[in-house]
Amino acid sequence: MSAGCTAVMLCRCYVSVAVLEGCIYAMGGYDGHVRQNTAERYTPKANQWSLITPMNHQRSDASATTLNS
């Protein structure tokens, strides 16, 4: 983790991560017991993670990318 950057809100592994319009998105993953449908957004200017609308289905070990932004 970079100095001065806050940690994600939910601890998990096998999370999917993508960057869109200057924000980092962390989606899904596995908390050691179940796959997750949660999603978080990191806003660098505010140095803050926030929970966003969860996905419709639980996912882990997935890929994520952005197109044209």
N, C-alpha and C. Protein backbone atom coordinates (compact mmCIF):
# COMPACT_ATOMS: atom_id res chain seq x y z
N MET A 1 0.85 -1.18 0.00
CA MET A 1 0.00 0.00 0.00
C MET A 1 0.89 1.24 0.00
N SER A 2 0.52 2.22 -0.76
CA SER A 2 1.27 3.47 -0.83
C SER A 2 1.12 4.26 0.46
N ALA A 3 2.15 5.00 0.80
CA ALA A 3 2.09 5.85 1.99
C ALA A 3 0.96 6.86 1.82
N GLY A 4 0.13 6.99 2.84
CA GLY A 4 -0.94 7.97 2.82
C GLY A 4 -2.22 7.50 2.16
N CYS A 5 -2.25 6.27 1.67
CA CYS A 5 -3.46 5.74 1.02
C CYS A 5 -4.23 4.90 2.03
N THR A 6 -5.51 5.13 2.14
CA THR A 6 -6.32 4.36 3.09
C THR A 6 -6.58 2.95 2.55
N ALA A 7 -6.81 2.02 3.45
CA ALA A 7 -7.08 0.63 3.09
C ALA A 7 -8.53 0.46 2.64
N VAL A 8 -8.77 -0.59 1.85
CA VAL A 8 -10.14 -0.89 1.44
C VAL A 8 -10.98 -1.16 2.68
N MET A 9 -12.30 -1.06 2.55
CA MET A 9 -13.19 -1.23 3.68
C MET A 9 -13.39 -2.70 4.04
N LEU A 10 -13.38 -3.58 3.05
CA LEU A 10 -13.65 -5.00 3.28
C LEU A 10 -12.43 -5.84 2.94
N CYS A 11 -12.02 -6.69 3.86
CA CYS A 11 -10.88 -7.56 3.66
C CYS A 11 -11.30 -8.75 2.81
N ARG A 12 -10.60 -8.98 1.70
CA ARG A 12 -10.93 -10.10 0.83
C ARG A 12 -9.76 -10.37 -0.12
N CYS A 13 -9.77 -11.56 -0.71
CA CYS A 13 -8.76 -11.92 -1.71
C CYS A 13 -9.48 -12.26 -3.01
N TYR A 14 -8.72 -12.46 -4.08
CA TYR A 14 -9.28 -12.79 -5.40
C TYR A 14 -10.26 -11.73 -5.88
N VAL A 15 -9.99 -10.49 -5.54
CA VAL A 15 -10.85 -9.35 -5.88
C VAL A 15 -10.52 -8.87 -7.30
N SER A 16 -11.52 -8.35 -7.99
CA SER A 16 -11.33 -7.76 -9.32
C SER A 16 -11.16 -6.26 -9.16
N VAL A 17 -10.21 -5.69 -9.90
CA VAL A 17 -9.91 -4.27 -9.75
C VAL A 17 -9.80 -3.62 -11.12
N ALA A 18 -10.37 -2.41 -11.25
CA ALA A 18 -10.27 -1.64 -12.49
C ALA A 18 -10.22 -0.16 -12.14
N VAL A 19 -9.70 0.64 -13.08
CA VAL A 19 -9.64 2.09 -12.91
C VAL A 19 -10.57 2.72 -13.94
N LEU A 20 -11.41 3.65 -13.49
CA LEU A 20 -12.34 4.35 -14.38
C LEU A 20 -12.43 5.80 -13.93
N GLU A 21 -12.17 6.71 -14.85
CA GLU A 21 -12.28 8.15 -14.60
C GLU A 21 -11.56 8.57 -13.32
N GLY A 22 -10.35 8.02 -13.13
CA GLY A 22 -9.51 8.43 -12.00
C GLY A 22 -9.83 7.76 -10.68
N CYS A 23 -10.82 6.89 -10.64
CA CYS A 23 -11.17 6.18 -9.41
C CYS A 23 -10.81 4.70 -9.57
N ILE A 24 -10.49 4.05 -8.46
CA ILE A 24 -10.20 2.62 -8.45
C ILE A 24 -11.43 1.89 -7.93
N TYR A 25 -11.82 0.85 -8.64
CA TYR A 25 -12.97 0.04 -8.24
C TYR A 25 -12.50 -1.35 -7.85
N ALA A 26 -12.93 -1.83 -6.69
CA ALA A 26 -12.64 -3.18 -6.21
C ALA A 26 -13.98 -3.91 -6.11
N MET A 27 -14.08 -5.04 -6.81
CA MET A 27 -15.37 -5.72 -6.93
C MET A 27 -15.26 -7.20 -6.61
N GLY A 28 -16.22 -7.70 -5.85
CA GLY A 28 -16.27 -9.12 -5.54
C GLY A 28 -15.11 -9.56 -4.68
N GLY A 29 -14.72 -10.83 -4.84
CA GLY A 29 -13.63 -11.40 -4.08
C GLY A 29 -14.13 -12.50 -3.15
N TYR A 30 -13.23 -12.94 -2.30
CA TYR A 30 -13.51 -14.05 -1.39
C TYR A 30 -12.99 -13.66 -0.01
N ASP A 31 -13.85 -13.77 1.01
CA ASP A 31 -13.44 -13.35 2.36
C ASP A 31 -12.93 -14.50 3.23
N GLY A 32 -12.69 -15.64 2.62
CA GLY A 32 -12.24 -16.81 3.37
C GLY A 32 -13.36 -17.77 3.68
N HIS A 33 -14.61 -17.32 3.46
CA HIS A 33 -15.78 -18.16 3.72
C HIS A 33 -16.73 -18.22 2.52
N VAL A 34 -17.02 -17.06 1.94
CA VAL A 34 -17.95 -17.00 0.80
C VAL A 34 -17.45 -16.00 -0.23
N ARG A 35 -17.89 -16.19 -1.47
CA ARG A 35 -17.63 -15.19 -2.52
C ARG A 35 -18.47 -13.96 -2.22
N GLN A 36 -17.99 -12.82 -2.67
CA GLN A 36 -18.64 -11.55 -2.36
C GLN A 36 -19.30 -10.92 -3.58
N ASN A 37 -20.33 -10.12 -3.35
CA ASN A 37 -20.95 -9.32 -4.42
C ASN A 37 -20.72 -7.83 -4.16
N THR A 38 -19.94 -7.52 -3.15
CA THR A 38 -19.71 -6.13 -2.76
C THR A 38 -18.81 -5.40 -3.75
N ALA A 39 -18.91 -4.10 -3.75
CA ALA A 39 -18.07 -3.26 -4.61
C ALA A 39 -17.71 -1.98 -3.84
N GLU A 40 -16.48 -1.52 -4.07
CA GLU A 40 -16.00 -0.30 -3.43
C GLU A 40 -15.34 0.59 -4.47
N ARG A 41 -15.36 1.88 -4.20
CA ARG A 41 -14.70 2.86 -5.09
C ARG A 41 -13.73 3.68 -4.25
N TYR A 42 -12.50 3.82 -4.76
CA TYR A 42 -11.51 4.68 -4.10
C TYR A 42 -11.39 5.96 -4.89
N THR A 43 -11.58 7.09 -4.19
CA THR A 43 -11.44 8.41 -4.79
C THR A 43 -10.14 9.02 -4.28
N PRO A 44 -9.11 9.09 -5.15
CA PRO A 44 -7.80 9.57 -4.70
C PRO A 44 -7.82 10.98 -4.12
N LYS A 45 -8.58 11.89 -4.70
CA LYS A 45 -8.60 13.27 -4.19
C LYS A 45 -9.07 13.33 -2.75
N ALA A 46 -10.02 12.48 -2.39
CA ALA A 46 -10.53 12.45 -1.02
C ALA A 46 -9.78 11.43 -0.16
N ASN A 47 -8.92 10.59 -0.81
CA ASN A 47 -8.22 9.51 -0.12
C ASN A 47 -9.22 8.67 0.68
N GLN A 48 -10.29 8.25 0.00
CA GLN A 48 -11.38 7.57 0.69
C GLN A 48 -11.97 6.44 -0.15
N TRP A 49 -12.21 5.30 0.50
CA TRP A 49 -12.96 4.20 -0.09
C TRP A 49 -14.41 4.33 0.33
N SER A 50 -15.33 4.00 -0.56
CA SER A 50 -16.75 4.00 -0.20
C SER A 50 -17.42 2.80 -0.85
N LEU A 51 -18.37 2.23 -0.12
CA LEU A 51 -19.15 1.13 -0.67
C LEU A 51 -20.08 1.69 -1.74
N ILE A 52 -20.20 0.97 -2.86
CA ILE A 52 -21.12 1.37 -3.91
C ILE A 52 -22.12 0.23 -4.12
N THR A 53 -23.05 0.41 -5.02
CA THR A 53 -24.08 -0.60 -5.25
C THR A 53 -23.44 -1.96 -5.50
N PRO A 54 -23.89 -2.98 -4.77
CA PRO A 54 -23.31 -4.31 -4.95
C PRO A 54 -23.70 -4.91 -6.31
N MET A 55 -22.92 -5.88 -6.74
CA MET A 55 -23.22 -6.60 -7.98
C MET A 55 -24.41 -7.53 -7.76
N ASN A 56 -25.05 -7.93 -8.83
CA ASN A 56 -26.20 -8.83 -8.75
C ASN A 56 -25.81 -10.24 -8.34
N HIS A 57 -24.55 -10.63 -8.60
CA HIS A 57 -24.10 -11.99 -8.31
C HIS A 57 -22.75 -11.95 -7.62
N GLN A 58 -22.50 -12.94 -6.78
CA GLN A 58 -21.21 -13.06 -6.11
C GLN A 58 -20.16 -13.49 -7.13
N ARG A 59 -18.94 -12.93 -7.00
CA ARG A 59 -17.85 -13.28 -7.92
C ARG A 59 -16.52 -13.23 -7.19
N SER A 60 -15.64 -14.13 -7.59
CA SER A 60 -14.23 -14.05 -7.20
C SER A 60 -13.41 -14.62 -8.35
N ASP A 61 -12.13 -14.34 -8.35
CA ASP A 61 -11.23 -14.81 -9.41
C ASP A 61 -11.64 -14.31 -10.79
N ALA A 62 -12.32 -13.21 -10.86
CA ALA A 62 -12.77 -12.66 -12.16
C ALA A 62 -11.81 -11.57 -12.64
N SER A 63 -11.93 -11.21 -13.88
CA SER A 63 -11.15 -10.11 -14.44
C SER A 63 -12.03 -8.89 -14.59
N ALA A 64 -11.41 -7.71 -14.59
CA ALA A 64 -12.14 -6.46 -14.79
C ALA A 64 -11.28 -5.53 -15.63
N THR A 65 -11.89 -4.77 -16.47
CA THR A 65 -11.17 -3.80 -17.30
C THR A 65 -12.12 -2.67 -17.68
N THR A 66 -11.58 -1.63 -18.26
CA THR A 66 -12.38 -0.53 -18.77
C THR A 66 -12.09 -0.36 -20.25
N LEU A 67 -13.02 0.28 -20.97
CA LEU A 67 -12.87 0.52 -22.38
C LEU A 67 -13.24 1.96 -22.67
N ASN A 68 -12.37 2.66 -23.35
CA ASN A 68 -12.64 4.05 -23.78
C ASN A 68 -12.81 5.01 -22.62
N SER A 69 -12.16 4.76 -21.52
CA SER A 69 -12.19 5.73 -20.43
C SER A 69 -11.25 5.26 -19.37
